[in-house]
PDB file of all heavy atoms in Angstrom:
ATOM      1  N   ALA A   1       0.801  54.568  66.063  1.00  0.00           N
ATOM      2  CA  ALA A   1       1.234  55.910  65.693  1.00  0.00           C
ATOM      3  C   ALA A   1       2.713  55.993  65.406  1.00  0.00           C
ATOM      4  O   ALA A   1       3.130  56.652  64.461  1.00  0.00           O
ATOM      5  CB  ALA A   1       0.853  56.891  66.835  1.00  0.00           C
ATOM      6  N   LEU A   2       3.503  55.315  66.194  1.00  0.00           N
ATOM      7  CA  LEU A   2       4.960  55.248  65.970  1.00  0.00           C
ATOM      8  C   LEU A   2       5.286  54.566  64.662  1.00  0.00           C
ATOM      9  O   LEU A   2       6.108  55.050  63.857  1.00  0.00           O
ATOM     10  CB  LEU A   2       5.640  54.560  67.140  1.00  0.00           C
ATOM     11  CG  LEU A   2       5.709  55.329  68.453  1.00  0.00           C
ATOM     12  CD1 LEU A   2       6.077  54.436  69.597  1.00  0.00           C
ATOM     13  CD2 LEU A   2       6.739  56.463  68.345  1.00  0.00           C
ATOM     14  N   GLU A   3       4.632  53.409  64.447  1.00  0.00           N
ATOM     15  CA  GLU A   3       4.936  52.666  63.195  1.00  0.00           C
ATOM     16  C   GLU A   3       4.572  53.501  61.998  1.00  0.00           C
ATOM     17  O   GLU A   3       5.332  53.526  60.980  1.00  0.00           O
ATOM     18  CB  GLU A   3       4.176  51.360  63.223  1.00  0.00           C
ATOM     19  CG  GLU A   3       4.505  50.449  62.008  1.00  0.00           C
ATOM     20  CD  GLU A   3       3.791  49.134  62.032  1.00  0.00           C
ATOM     21  OE1 GLU A   3       3.064  48.835  62.996  1.00  0.00           O
ATOM     22  OE2 GLU A   3       3.990  48.365  61.055  1.00  0.00           O
ATOM     23  N   GLU A   4       3.427  54.164  62.029  1.00  0.00           N
ATOM     24  CA  GLU A   4       2.976  54.936  60.896  1.00  0.00           C
ATOM     25  C   GLU A   4       3.829  56.213  60.704  1.00  0.00           C
ATOM     26  O   GLU A   4       3.810  56.825  59.621  1.00  0.00           O
ATOM     27  CB  GLU A   4       1.533  55.319  61.004  1.00  0.00           C
ATOM     28  CG  GLU A   4       0.621  54.103  60.885  1.00  0.00           C
ATOM     29  CD  GLU A   4      -0.862  54.400  61.027  1.00  0.00           C
ATOM     30  OE1 GLU A   4      -1.193  55.609  61.243  1.00  0.00           O
ATOM     31  OE2 GLU A   4      -1.693  53.507  60.897  1.00  0.00           O
ATOM     32  N   SER A   5       4.612  56.562  61.731  1.00  0.00           N
ATOM     33  CA  SER A   5       5.511  57.699  61.645  1.00  0.00           C
ATOM     34  C   SER A   5       6.926  57.227  61.214  1.00  0.00           C
ATOM     35  O   SER A   5       7.861  58.026  61.144  1.00  0.00           O
ATOM     36  CB  SER A   5       5.634  58.414  63.000  1.00  0.00           C
ATOM     37  OG  SER A   5       4.392  58.909  63.381  1.00  0.00           O
ATOM     38  N   GLY A   6       7.081  55.950  60.938  1.00  0.00           N
ATOM     39  CA  GLY A   6       8.371  55.401  60.508  1.00  0.00           C
ATOM     40  C   GLY A   6       9.309  55.039  61.629  1.00  0.00           C
ATOM     41  O   GLY A   6      10.462  54.654  61.372  1.00  0.00           O
ATOM     42  N   ARG A   7       8.782  55.090  62.893  1.00  0.00           N
ATOM     43  CA  ARG A   7       9.645  54.786  64.038  1.00  0.00           C
ATOM     44  C   ARG A   7       9.371  53.362  64.475  1.00  0.00           C
ATOM     45  O   ARG A   7       8.747  53.034  65.508  1.00  0.00           O
ATOM     46  CB  ARG A   7       9.347  55.796  65.147  1.00  0.00           C
ATOM     47  CG  ARG A   7       9.743  57.222  64.692  1.00  0.00           C
ATOM     48  CD  ARG A   7       8.992  58.274  65.542  1.00  0.00           C
ATOM     49  NE  ARG A   7       9.392  58.306  66.957  1.00  0.00           N
ATOM     50  CZ  ARG A   7       8.948  59.184  67.814  1.00  0.00           C
ATOM     51  NH1 ARG A   7       8.095  60.148  67.424  1.00  0.00           N
ATOM     52  NH2 ARG A   7       9.293  59.124  69.089  1.00  0.00           N
ATOM     53  N   VAL A   8       9.795  52.415  63.622  1.00  0.00           N
ATOM     54  CA  VAL A   8       9.375  51.024  63.744  1.00  0.00           C
ATOM     55  C   VAL A   8       9.917  50.353  65.040  1.00  0.00           C
ATOM     56  O   VAL A   8       9.244  49.593  65.707  1.00  0.00           O
ATOM     57  CB  VAL A   8       9.762  50.204  62.500  1.00  0.00           C
ATOM     58  CG1 VAL A   8       9.348  48.768  62.634  1.00  0.00           C
ATOM     59  CG2 VAL A   8       9.103  50.833  61.249  1.00  0.00           C
ATOM     60  N   GLU A   9      11.186  50.624  65.344  1.00  0.00           N
ATOM     61  CA  GLU A   9      11.780  49.964  66.527  1.00  0.00           C
ATOM     62  C   GLU A   9      11.034  50.420  67.793  1.00  0.00           C
ATOM     63  O   GLU A   9      10.797  49.563  68.721  1.00  0.00           O
ATOM     64  CB  GLU A   9      13.280  50.308  66.653  1.00  0.00           C
ATOM     65  CG  GLU A   9      14.144  49.736  65.507  1.00  0.00           C
ATOM     66  CD  GLU A   9      13.991  48.221  65.418  1.00  0.00           C
ATOM     67  OE1 GLU A   9      13.888  47.558  66.449  1.00  0.00           O
ATOM     68  OE2 GLU A   9      13.991  47.698  64.279  1.00  0.00           O
ATOM     69  N   GLU A  10      10.676  51.657  67.870  1.00  0.00           N
ATOM     70  CA  GLU A  10       9.913  52.132  69.034  1.00  0.00           C
ATOM     71  C   GLU A  10       8.515  51.517  69.041  1.00  0.00           C
ATOM     72  O   GLU A  10       7.981  51.207  70.078  1.00  0.00           O
ATOM     73  CB  GLU A  10       9.784  53.655  68.997  1.00  0.00           C
ATOM     74  CG  GLU A  10      11.091  54.410  69.226  1.00  0.00           C
ATOM     75  CD  GLU A  10      10.895  55.921  69.059  1.00  0.00           C
ATOM     76  OE1 GLU A  10      10.450  56.571  70.018  1.00  0.00           O
ATOM     77  OE2 GLU A  10      11.283  56.443  67.971  1.00  0.00           O
ATOM     78  N   ALA A  11       7.953  51.304  67.850  1.00  0.00           N
ATOM     79  CA  ALA A  11       6.664  50.668  67.723  1.00  0.00           C
ATOM     80  C   ALA A  11       6.722  49.256  68.282  1.00  0.00           C
ATOM     81  O   ALA A  11       5.836  48.812  69.011  1.00  0.00           O
ATOM     82  CB  ALA A  11       6.161  50.691  66.297  1.00  0.00           C
ATOM     83  N   ILE A  12       7.754  48.545  67.850  1.00  0.00           N
ATOM     84  CA  ILE A  12       7.924  47.181  68.344  1.00  0.00           C
ATOM     85  C   ILE A  12       7.944  47.138  69.878  1.00  0.00           C
ATOM     86  O   ILE A  12       7.272  46.261  70.480  1.00  0.00           O
ATOM     87  CB  ILE A  12       9.253  46.547  67.795  1.00  0.00           C
ATOM     88  CG1 ILE A  12       9.118  46.308  66.280  1.00  0.00           C
ATOM     89  CG2 ILE A  12       9.605  45.234  68.498  1.00  0.00           C
ATOM     90  CD1 ILE A  12      10.402  45.878  65.585  1.00  0.00           C
ATOM     91  N   GLU A  13       8.653  48.060  70.447  1.00  0.00           N
ATOM     92  CA  GLU A  13       8.721  48.103  71.954  1.00  0.00           C
ATOM     93  C   GLU A  13       7.343  48.318  72.563  1.00  0.00           C
ATOM     94  O   GLU A  13       7.007  47.645  73.562  1.00  0.00           O
ATOM     95  CB  GLU A  13       9.678  49.248  72.363  1.00  0.00           C
ATOM     96  CG  GLU A  13       9.860  49.345  73.849  1.00  0.00           C
ATOM     97  CD  GLU A  13      10.859  50.413  74.218  1.00  0.00           C
ATOM     98  OE1 GLU A  13      11.558  50.990  73.307  1.00  0.00           O
ATOM     99  OE2 GLU A  13      10.921  50.819  75.393  1.00  0.00           O
ATOM    100  N   GLU A  14       6.553  49.197  71.965  1.00  0.00           N
ATOM    101  CA  GLU A  14       5.197  49.450  72.512  1.00  0.00           C
ATOM    102  C   GLU A  14       4.273  48.269  72.302  1.00  0.00           C
ATOM    103  O   GLU A  14       3.446  47.906  73.165  1.00  0.00           O
ATOM    104  CB  GLU A  14       4.598  50.718  71.927  1.00  0.00           C
ATOM    105  CG  GLU A  14       5.345  51.962  72.296  1.00  0.00           C
ATOM    106  CD  GLU A  14       5.476  52.180  73.781  1.00  0.00           C
ATOM    107  OE1 GLU A  14       4.600  51.779  74.538  1.00  0.00           O
ATOM    108  OE2 GLU A  14       6.493  52.790  74.216  1.00  0.00           O
ATOM    109  N   TYR A  15       4.327  47.618  71.139  1.00  0.00           N
ATOM    110  CA  TYR A  15       3.539  46.418  70.922  1.00  0.00           C
ATOM    111  C   TYR A  15       3.897  45.331  71.928  1.00  0.00           C
ATOM    112  O   TYR A  15       2.974  44.671  72.502  1.00  0.00           O
ATOM    113  CB  TYR A  15       3.744  45.874  69.497  1.00  0.00           C
ATOM    114  CG  TYR A  15       3.209  46.751  68.375  1.00  0.00           C
ATOM    115  CD1 TYR A  15       3.854  46.835  67.171  1.00  0.00           C
ATOM    116  CD2 TYR A  15       1.974  47.448  68.533  1.00  0.00           C
ATOM    117  CE1 TYR A  15       3.387  47.638  66.108  1.00  0.00           C
ATOM    118  CE2 TYR A  15       1.486  48.214  67.507  1.00  0.00           C
ATOM    119  CZ  TYR A  15       2.204  48.325  66.301  1.00  0.00           C
ATOM    120  OH  TYR A  15       1.709  49.102  65.280  1.00  0.00           O
ATOM    121  N   GLU A  16       5.184  45.165  72.175  1.00  0.00           N
ATOM    122  CA  GLU A  16       5.608  44.173  73.196  1.00  0.00           C
ATOM    123  C   GLU A  16       5.075  44.517  74.606  1.00  0.00           C
ATOM    124  O   GLU A  16       4.657  43.667  75.310  1.00  0.00           O
ATOM    125  CB  GLU A  16       7.151  44.064  73.212  1.00  0.00           C
ATOM    126  CG  GLU A  16       7.737  43.500  71.905  1.00  0.00           C
ATOM    127  CD  GLU A  16       7.515  41.999  71.745  1.00  0.00           C
ATOM    128  OE1 GLU A  16       6.808  41.398  72.547  1.00  0.00           O
ATOM    129  OE2 GLU A  16       8.096  41.403  70.811  1.00  0.00           O
ATOM    130  N   ARG A  17       5.124  45.820  74.914  1.00  0.00           N
ATOM    131  CA  ARG A  17       4.603  46.250  76.219  1.00  0.00           C
ATOM    132  C   ARG A  17       3.119  45.989  76.314  1.00  0.00           C
ATOM    133  O   ARG A  17       2.602  45.629  77.383  1.00  0.00           O
ATOM    134  CB  ARG A  17       4.914  47.722  76.440  1.00  0.00           C
ATOM    135  CG  ARG A  17       6.368  48.044  76.741  1.00  0.00           C
ATOM    136  CD  ARG A  17       6.524  49.514  77.029  1.00  0.00           C
ATOM    137  NE  ARG A  17       7.889  49.868  77.397  1.00  0.00           N
ATOM    138  CZ  ARG A  17       8.294  51.083  77.711  1.00  0.00           C
ATOM    139  NH1 ARG A  17       7.464  52.084  77.711  1.00  0.00           N
ATOM    140  NH2 ARG A  17       9.578  51.304  78.011  1.00  0.00           N
ATOM    141  N   SER A  18       2.384  46.200  75.219  1.00  0.00           N
ATOM    142  CA  SER A  18       0.950  45.952  75.266  1.00  0.00           C
ATOM    143  C   SER A  18       0.658  44.493  75.489  1.00  0.00           C
ATOM    144  O   SER A  18      -0.331  44.133  76.171  1.00  0.00           O
ATOM    145  CB  SER A  18       0.277  46.422  73.952  1.00  0.00           C
ATOM    146  OG  SER A  18       0.541  45.557  72.867  1.00  0.00           O
ATOM    147  N   ILE A  19       1.498  43.599  74.980  1.00  0.00           N
ATOM    148  CA  ILE A  19       1.348  42.183  75.208  1.00  0.00           C
ATOM    149  C   ILE A  19       1.667  41.859  76.650  1.00  0.00           C
ATOM    150  O   ILE A  19       1.025  40.945  77.291  1.00  0.00           O
ATOM    151  CB  ILE A  19       2.231  41.383  74.245  1.00  0.00           C
ATOM    152  CG1 ILE A  19       1.700  41.545  72.790  1.00  0.00           C
ATOM    153  CG2 ILE A  19       2.294  39.876  74.640  1.00  0.00           C
ATOM    154  CD1 ILE A  19       2.647  41.007  71.721  1.00  0.00           C
ATOM    155  N   VAL A  20       2.595  42.519  77.252  1.00  0.00           N
ATOM    156  CA  VAL A  20       2.903  42.292  78.665  1.00  0.00           C
ATOM    157  C   VAL A  20       1.688  42.660  79.508  1.00  0.00           C
ATOM    158  O   VAL A  20       1.254  41.942  80.435  1.00  0.00           O
ATOM    159  CB  VAL A  20       4.167  43.130  79.113  1.00  0.00           C
ATOM    160  CG1 VAL A  20       4.283  43.072  80.630  1.00  0.00           C
ATOM    161  CG2 VAL A  20       5.385  42.594  78.441  1.00  0.00           C
ATOM    162  N   ASP A  21       1.073  43.819  79.166  1.00  0.00           N
ATOM    163  CA  ASP A  21      -0.146  44.255  79.889  1.00  0.00           C
ATOM    164  C   ASP A  21      -1.327  43.299  79.654  1.00  0.00           C
ATOM    165  O   ASP A  21      -2.122  43.105  80.540  1.00  0.00           O
ATOM    166  CB  ASP A  21      -0.540  45.709  79.458  1.00  0.00           C
ATOM    167  CG  ASP A  21       0.378  46.725  80.022  1.00  0.00           C
ATOM    168  OD1 ASP A  21       1.191  46.432  80.905  1.00  0.00           O
ATOM    169  OD2 ASP A  21       0.307  47.907  79.596  1.00  0.00           O
ATOM    170  N   ASN A  22      -1.399  42.776  78.432  1.00  0.00           N
ATOM    171  CA  ASN A  22      -2.502  41.875  78.064  1.00  0.00           C
ATOM    172  C   ASN A  22      -2.004  40.811  77.112  1.00  0.00           C
ATOM    173  O   ASN A  22      -1.933  41.053  75.933  1.00  0.00           O
ATOM    174  CB  ASN A  22      -3.654  42.667  77.475  1.00  0.00           C
ATOM    175  CG  ASN A  22      -4.773  41.688  77.033  1.00  0.00           C
ATOM    176  OD1 ASN A  22      -4.813  40.548  77.345  1.00  0.00           O
ATOM    177  ND2 ASN A  22      -5.733  42.280  76.235  1.00  0.00           N
ATOM    178  N   PRO A  23      -1.630  39.617  77.592  1.00  0.00           N
ATOM    179  CA  PRO A  23      -1.073  38.582  76.730  1.00  0.00           C
ATOM    180  C   PRO A  23      -2.029  38.198  75.605  1.00  0.00           C
ATOM    181  O   PRO A  23      -1.549  37.607  74.591  1.00  0.00           O
ATOM    182  CB  PRO A  23      -0.807  37.420  77.659  1.00  0.00           C
ATOM    183  CG  PRO A  23      -0.645  38.061  79.027  1.00  0.00           C
ATOM    184  CD  PRO A  23      -1.579  39.221  79.005  1.00  0.00           C
ATOM    185  N   GLN A  24      -3.288  38.461  75.718  1.00  0.00           N
ATOM    186  CA  GLN A  24      -4.276  38.152  74.666  1.00  0.00           C
ATOM    187  C   GLN A  24      -4.443  39.286  73.703  1.00  0.00           C
ATOM    188  O   GLN A  24      -5.413  39.261  72.901  1.00  0.00           O
ATOM    189  CB  GLN A  24      -5.650  37.809  75.345  1.00  0.00           C
ATOM    190  CG  GLN A  24      -5.595  36.669  76.311  1.00  0.00           C
ATOM    191  CD  GLN A  24      -5.048  35.378  75.721  1.00  0.00           C
ATOM    192  OE1 GLN A  24      -5.599  34.954  74.675  1.00  0.00           O
ATOM    193  NE2 GLN A  24      -4.098  34.761  76.326  1.00  0.00           N
ATOM    194  N   MET A  25      -3.573  40.245  73.670  1.00  0.00           N
ATOM    195  CA  MET A  25      -3.654  41.403  72.763  1.00  0.00           C
ATOM    196  C   MET A  25      -3.338  40.960  71.346  1.00  0.00           C
ATOM    197  O   MET A  25      -2.245  41.137  70.842  1.00  0.00           O
ATOM    198  CB  MET A  25      -2.720  42.491  73.229  1.00  0.00           C
ATOM    199  CG  MET A  25      -2.970  43.862  72.599  1.00  0.00           C
ATOM    200  SD  MET A  25      -4.554  44.540  73.175  1.00  0.00           S
ATOM    201  CE  MET A  25      -4.541  46.110  72.302  1.00  0.00           C
ATOM    202  N   SER A  26      -4.303  40.368  70.688  1.00  0.00           N
ATOM    203  CA  SER A  26      -4.075  39.748  69.403  1.00  0.00           C
ATOM    204  C   SER A  26      -3.638  40.769  68.339  1.00  0.00           C
ATOM    205  O   SER A  26      -2.875  40.435  67.461  1.00  0.00           O
ATOM    206  CB  SER A  26      -5.344  39.027  68.939  1.00  0.00           C
ATOM    207  OG  SER A  26      -6.465  39.852  68.888  1.00  0.00           O
ATOM    208  N   LYS A  27      -4.158  42.014  68.427  1.00  0.00           N
ATOM    209  CA  LYS A  27      -3.790  43.009  67.436  1.00  0.00           C
ATOM    210  C   LYS A  27      -2.299  43.351  67.483  1.00  0.00           C
ATOM    211  O   LYS A  27      -1.649  43.570  66.471  1.00  0.00           O
ATOM    212  CB  LYS A  27      -4.639  44.267  67.647  1.00  0.00           C
ATOM    213  CG  LYS A  27      -6.080  44.143  67.241  1.00  0.00           C
ATOM    214  CD  LYS A  27      -6.847  45.445  67.422  1.00  0.00           C
ATOM    215  CE  LYS A  27      -8.242  45.360  66.858  1.00  0.00           C
ATOM    216  NZ  LYS A  27      -9.038  44.345  67.521  1.00  0.00           N
TER     217      LYS A  27
END
């Protein structure tokens, strides 16, 4: 939702957090 709103840096942070929660988060 952040990336599609143009807030790419915040999106990167959330994607990284999702990987911390689940290292196998391939998406």
